[in-house]
Protein backbone atom coordinates (compact mmCIF):
# COMPACT_ATOMS: atom_id res chain seq x y z
CA MET A 1 -23.08 58.15 84.80
CA SER A 2 -20.86 56.46 81.84
CA THR A 3 -17.82 56.92 83.96
CA THR A 4 -19.50 55.37 86.90
CA LEU A 5 -20.15 52.25 84.69
CA SER A 6 -17.03 52.25 83.28
CA THR A 7 -15.26 52.47 86.73
CA THR A 8 -17.82 49.45 88.02
CA HIS A 9 -16.72 47.63 84.91
CA LEU A 10 -13.16 47.90 85.46
CA THR A 11 -13.23 47.16 89.19
CA SER A 12 -15.22 43.82 88.37
CA MET A 13 -12.61 42.81 85.75
CA GLN A 14 -9.75 43.31 88.02
CA GLY A 15 -8.38 39.98 89.17
CA LYS A 16 -10.66 37.93 86.67
CA GLU A 17 -8.75 38.67 83.35
CA LYS A 18 -5.73 36.24 82.78
CA ILE A 19 -2.73 37.10 80.67
CA MET A 20 -2.50 33.95 79.00
CA LYS A 21 -4.56 30.55 79.16
CA PRO A 22 -3.02 27.64 80.84
CA GLY A 23 -2.82 25.21 77.82
CA MET A 24 -0.86 27.81 75.79
CA GLN A 25 1.75 28.30 78.91
CA ARG A 26 2.16 24.69 79.20
CA SER A 27 2.69 24.50 75.34
CA ILE A 28 5.03 27.35 75.45
CA PHE A 29 7.15 25.82 78.55
CA ARG A 30 6.81 22.20 77.00
CA TRP A 31 8.64 23.78 73.56
CA ILE A 32 11.03 25.45 75.58
CA HIS A 33 11.77 22.13 77.56
CA ILE A 34 12.19 20.22 74.34
CA ILE A 35 14.20 22.83 72.42
CA LEU A 36 16.70 22.94 75.43
CA ALA A 37 16.87 19.01 75.52
CA ILE A 38 18.48 19.22 71.68
CA PRO A 39 22.05 20.64 72.96
CA ILE A 40 22.18 18.28 75.72
CA ALA A 41 21.56 15.66 73.24
CA GLY A 42 24.32 16.79 71.04
CA TYR A 43 26.49 16.72 74.09
CA ILE A 44 25.91 13.26 74.96
CA TYR A 45 26.54 11.84 71.51
CA SER A 46 29.27 14.01 70.29
CA PRO A 47 32.71 12.80 69.94
CA PHE A 48 34.75 12.53 73.09
CA ASP A 49 37.21 15.37 72.23
CA LYS A 50 34.54 18.11 71.99
CA ILE A 51 32.84 17.52 75.01
CA PRO A 52 34.77 20.06 77.01
CA GLN A 53 33.64 23.05 74.24
CA TYR A 54 30.02 22.01 75.16
CA ALA A 55 30.45 21.26 79.00
CA PRO A 56 30.20 24.58 80.67
CA ALA A 57 26.93 25.83 78.62
CA THR A 58 25.41 22.46 79.13
CA ARG A 59 26.17 22.39 82.97
CA TYR A 60 25.26 25.98 83.89
CA VAL A 61 22.52 27.16 81.01
CA PHE A 62 20.75 23.88 79.42
CA VAL A 63 20.45 21.51 82.64
CA PRO A 64 18.97 24.11 84.90
CA MET A 65 16.59 25.42 82.64
CA ILE A 66 15.43 21.90 81.85
CA VAL A 67 14.74 21.63 85.34
CA LEU A 68 13.22 24.59 85.87
CA THR A 69 10.68 24.03 82.84
CA GLY A 70 10.11 20.54 84.10
CA LEU A 71 9.41 21.48 87.44
CA TRP A 72 7.08 24.06 86.30
CA MET A 73 5.19 21.84 84.15
CA TRP A 74 4.98 19.32 86.93
CA LYS A 75 4.25 21.42 89.83
CA GLY A 76 3.66 24.93 88.77
CA HIS A 77 0.14 24.82 90.13
CA VAL A 78 1.41 24.57 93.48
CA VAL A 79 3.97 27.22 93.10
CA ARG A 80 1.37 29.51 91.65
CA ARG A 81 -1.14 28.81 94.33
CA LEU A 82 1.83 29.77 97.18
CA ILE A 83 2.49 32.99 95.23
CA TRP A 84 -1.01 34.16 95.03
CA LYS A 85 -1.64 33.59 98.80
CA ARG A 86 0.96 35.49 99.84
CA LEU A 87 -0.30 38.43 97.31
CA ALA A 88 -3.86 38.15 98.65
């Protein structure tokens, strides 16, 4: 009888348990966004002769990551809703 209860309990818990709370997720994305902005500020305010050293990393790593984290913080709820509709 205990196996029936535990199976019922597991079945009722499926889909309800979240891995991370939305507030914590926003906080993590916000800090990633802020930390990735630091090299871009260095790129903007660095001496003109050092800009070519920073250009590839800034263009191909930092700016796309900032754009993705910004979009996720802004419209992430829409993306999650679309993903859940496709999975369900």
